[in-house]
N, C-alpha and C. Protein backbone atom coordinates (compact mmCIF):
# COMPACT_ATOMS: atom_id res chain seq x y z
N MET A 1 -6.34 -6.96 -8.71
CA MET A 1 -5.98 -5.49 -8.55
C MET A 1 -4.46 -5.40 -8.70
N PRO A 2 -4.06 -4.85 -9.54
CA PRO A 2 -2.55 -4.45 -9.75
C PRO A 2 -1.63 -4.05 -8.33
N SER A 3 -0.62 -4.96 -7.87
CA SER A 3 -0.10 -4.24 -6.78
C SER A 3 1.52 -4.40 -7.15
N VAL A 4 2.31 -3.94 -6.20
CA VAL A 4 3.71 -3.81 -6.21
C VAL A 4 4.25 -4.33 -4.86
N LEU A 5 5.27 -5.22 -4.82
CA LEU A 5 5.90 -5.57 -3.83
C LEU A 5 7.26 -5.11 -4.06
N ALA A 6 7.78 -4.09 -3.20
CA ALA A 6 9.17 -3.48 -3.28
C ALA A 6 9.78 -3.60 -2.03
N GLU A 7 11.06 -4.33 -2.14
CA GLU A 7 11.75 -4.62 -1.00
C GLU A 7 13.20 -3.68 -1.19
N ILE A 8 13.00 -2.69 -0.53
CA ILE A 8 13.96 -1.68 -0.65
C ILE A 8 15.29 -1.75 -0.11
N SER A 9 14.97 -2.45 1.10
CA SER A 9 16.21 -2.62 1.93
C SER A 9 16.02 -3.57 3.06
N PHE A 10 16.80 -3.80 3.95
CA PHE A 10 16.54 -4.58 5.11
C PHE A 10 16.76 -3.82 6.46
N LEU A 11 16.17 -3.95 7.29
CA LEU A 11 15.97 -3.01 8.48
C LEU A 11 17.06 -3.66 9.34
N ASN A 12 17.48 -5.14 9.39
CA ASN A 12 18.38 -5.70 9.98
C ASN A 12 19.88 -5.50 9.71
N ASN A 13 19.95 -4.66 8.63
CA ASN A 13 21.18 -4.41 7.84
C ASN A 13 21.62 -2.90 8.33
N PRO A 14 22.33 -2.71 9.40
CA PRO A 14 22.89 -1.49 9.93
C PRO A 14 22.85 -0.32 8.77
N ALA A 15 23.64 -0.50 7.87
CA ALA A 15 23.72 0.32 6.80
C ALA A 15 22.85 0.73 6.15
N ASP A 16 21.72 -0.34 5.83
CA ASP A 16 20.50 0.16 5.24
C ASP A 16 19.52 0.93 6.07
N LYS A 17 19.61 0.55 7.40
CA LYS A 17 18.69 1.21 8.18
C LYS A 17 19.20 2.78 8.45
N GLN A 18 20.65 2.97 8.49
CA GLN A 18 20.93 4.27 8.43
C GLN A 18 20.32 5.18 7.20
N TRP A 19 20.45 4.58 6.10
CA TRP A 19 20.30 5.04 4.70
C TRP A 19 19.01 5.66 4.79
N LEU A 20 17.94 4.55 5.13
CA LEU A 20 16.44 4.72 5.03
C LEU A 20 16.02 5.92 6.23
N MET A 21 17.00 6.08 7.22
CA MET A 21 16.39 7.00 8.36
C MET A 21 16.60 8.76 7.64
N LEU A 22 17.35 8.79 6.64
CA LEU A 22 17.53 9.97 5.92
C LEU A 22 16.28 10.20 5.13
N PRO A 23 15.29 11.26 5.30
CA PRO A 23 14.15 11.72 4.46
C PRO A 23 14.39 11.74 2.87
N ASP A 24 15.57 12.35 2.47
CA ASP A 24 15.73 12.68 1.16
C ASP A 24 15.99 11.02 0.55
N ASN A 25 16.69 10.24 1.18
CA ASN A 25 16.51 8.83 0.74
C ASN A 25 15.33 8.23 0.33
N ARG A 26 14.51 8.22 1.38
CA ARG A 26 13.16 7.66 1.54
C ARG A 26 12.32 8.43 0.19
N GLN A 27 12.44 9.69 -0.03
CA GLN A 27 11.93 10.69 -1.02
C GLN A 27 12.41 9.83 -2.60
N ARG A 28 13.88 9.86 -2.49
CA ARG A 28 14.13 9.04 -3.74
C ARG A 28 13.67 7.84 -4.07
N VAL A 29 13.50 7.09 -3.07
CA VAL A 29 12.77 5.55 -3.33
C VAL A 29 11.53 5.75 -3.79
N ALA A 30 10.88 6.60 -3.17
CA ALA A 30 9.45 6.76 -3.55
C ALA A 30 9.14 7.36 -4.97
N GLU A 31 10.11 8.22 -5.37
CA GLU A 31 10.23 9.00 -6.30
C GLU A 31 10.31 7.85 -7.68
N GLY A 32 11.35 7.07 -7.20
CA GLY A 32 11.61 6.09 -8.26
C GLY A 32 10.51 4.87 -8.50
N LEU A 33 10.10 4.47 -7.34
CA LEU A 33 8.94 3.55 -7.77
C LEU A 33 7.84 4.35 -8.47
N TYR A 34 7.54 5.53 -8.01
CA TYR A 34 6.46 6.16 -8.64
C TYR A 34 6.87 6.31 -10.46
N HIS A 35 7.92 6.68 -10.67
CA HIS A 35 8.32 6.99 -12.12
C HIS A 35 8.31 5.52 -12.77
N GLY A 36 8.76 4.53 -11.96
CA GLY A 36 8.82 3.08 -12.60
C GLY A 36 7.40 2.49 -12.90
N ILE A 37 6.44 2.93 -12.09
CA ILE A 37 5.12 2.24 -12.25
C ILE A 37 4.48 3.20 -13.46
N GLU A 38 4.68 4.66 -13.54
CA GLU A 38 4.27 5.41 -14.42
C GLU A 38 4.65 5.02 -15.83
N LYS A 39 6.29 4.80 -16.07
CA LYS A 39 6.55 4.07 -17.21
C LYS A 39 6.14 2.82 -17.43
N TYR A 40 5.84 1.88 -16.60
CA TYR A 40 5.21 0.60 -17.13
C TYR A 40 3.97 0.89 -17.86
N PHE A 41 2.99 1.82 -17.03
CA PHE A 41 1.83 1.93 -17.85
C PHE A 41 1.54 2.78 -18.92
N GLN A 42 2.73 3.75 -18.97
CA GLN A 42 2.77 4.49 -20.56
C GLN A 42 3.25 3.31 -21.61
N ASN A 43 3.92 2.32 -21.21
CA ASN A 43 4.46 1.41 -22.32
C ASN A 43 3.56 0.27 -22.32
N ASN A 44 2.65 -0.02 -21.42
CA ASN A 44 1.83 -1.03 -21.56
C ASN A 44 0.40 -0.56 -21.49
N ASN A 45 -0.28 -0.26 -22.68
CA ASN A 45 -1.45 0.48 -22.60
C ASN A 45 -2.78 -0.38 -22.05
N SER A 46 -2.40 -1.78 -22.11
CA SER A 46 -3.54 -2.60 -21.70
C SER A 46 -3.43 -2.89 -20.28
N LEU A 47 -4.46 -2.83 -19.37
CA LEU A 47 -4.28 -2.97 -17.67
C LEU A 47 -4.87 -4.22 -17.54
N THR A 48 -5.26 -5.08 -18.40
CA THR A 48 -5.89 -6.46 -18.36
C THR A 48 -4.70 -7.31 -18.11
N THR A 49 -4.72 -8.37 -17.30
CA THR A 49 -4.06 -9.54 -17.21
C THR A 49 -4.58 -10.82 -17.25
N ASP A 50 -3.85 -12.03 -17.73
CA ASP A 50 -4.64 -12.84 -17.48
C ASP A 50 -4.33 -13.69 -16.13
N LEU A 51 -5.29 -14.29 -15.21
CA LEU A 51 -5.07 -14.95 -14.27
C LEU A 51 -5.09 -16.53 -14.33
N VAL A 52 -4.30 -17.10 -14.03
CA VAL A 52 -4.53 -18.52 -13.99
C VAL A 52 -4.43 -19.09 -12.79
N LEU A 53 -5.45 -20.05 -12.35
CA LEU A 53 -5.37 -20.49 -10.85
C LEU A 53 -5.52 -22.12 -11.07
N SER A 54 -4.70 -22.67 -10.30
CA SER A 54 -4.98 -24.03 -10.16
C SER A 54 -4.57 -24.48 -8.92
N SER A 55 -5.32 -25.68 -8.73
CA SER A 55 -5.14 -26.24 -7.42
C SER A 55 -5.44 -27.62 -7.56
N LYS A 56 -4.79 -28.60 -6.46
CA LYS A 56 -4.96 -30.15 -6.52
C LYS A 56 -6.57 -30.48 -6.92
N ARG A 57 -7.45 -29.62 -6.27
CA ARG A 57 -9.15 -29.98 -6.49
C ARG A 57 -9.20 -29.81 -7.83
N ASP A 58 -8.64 -29.08 -8.67
CA ASP A 58 -9.14 -28.85 -9.99
C ASP A 58 -8.55 -29.93 -11.02
N ARG A 59 -7.50 -30.52 -10.66
CA ARG A 59 -6.93 -31.39 -11.44
C ARG A 59 -7.39 -32.78 -11.35
N GLN A 60 -7.74 -33.61 -12.38
CA GLN A 60 -8.29 -34.83 -12.64
C GLN A 60 -7.28 -35.96 -12.30
N PRO A 61 -7.51 -37.01 -11.48
CA PRO A 61 -6.57 -37.91 -11.39
C PRO A 61 -6.06 -38.86 -12.41
């Protein structure tokens, strides 16, 4: 399942915390994330990805 991890700011930073307290700023962040994801899928028609898993158990000595 595709996912996005977006670290917008840090709440332990007083300036970031104050910035995020404003609804307009949160809306701008949400719209920016939305448009970025939308643009990604418009430019990458394939929704498939290759998943490679490895673990010590899979490796031969």
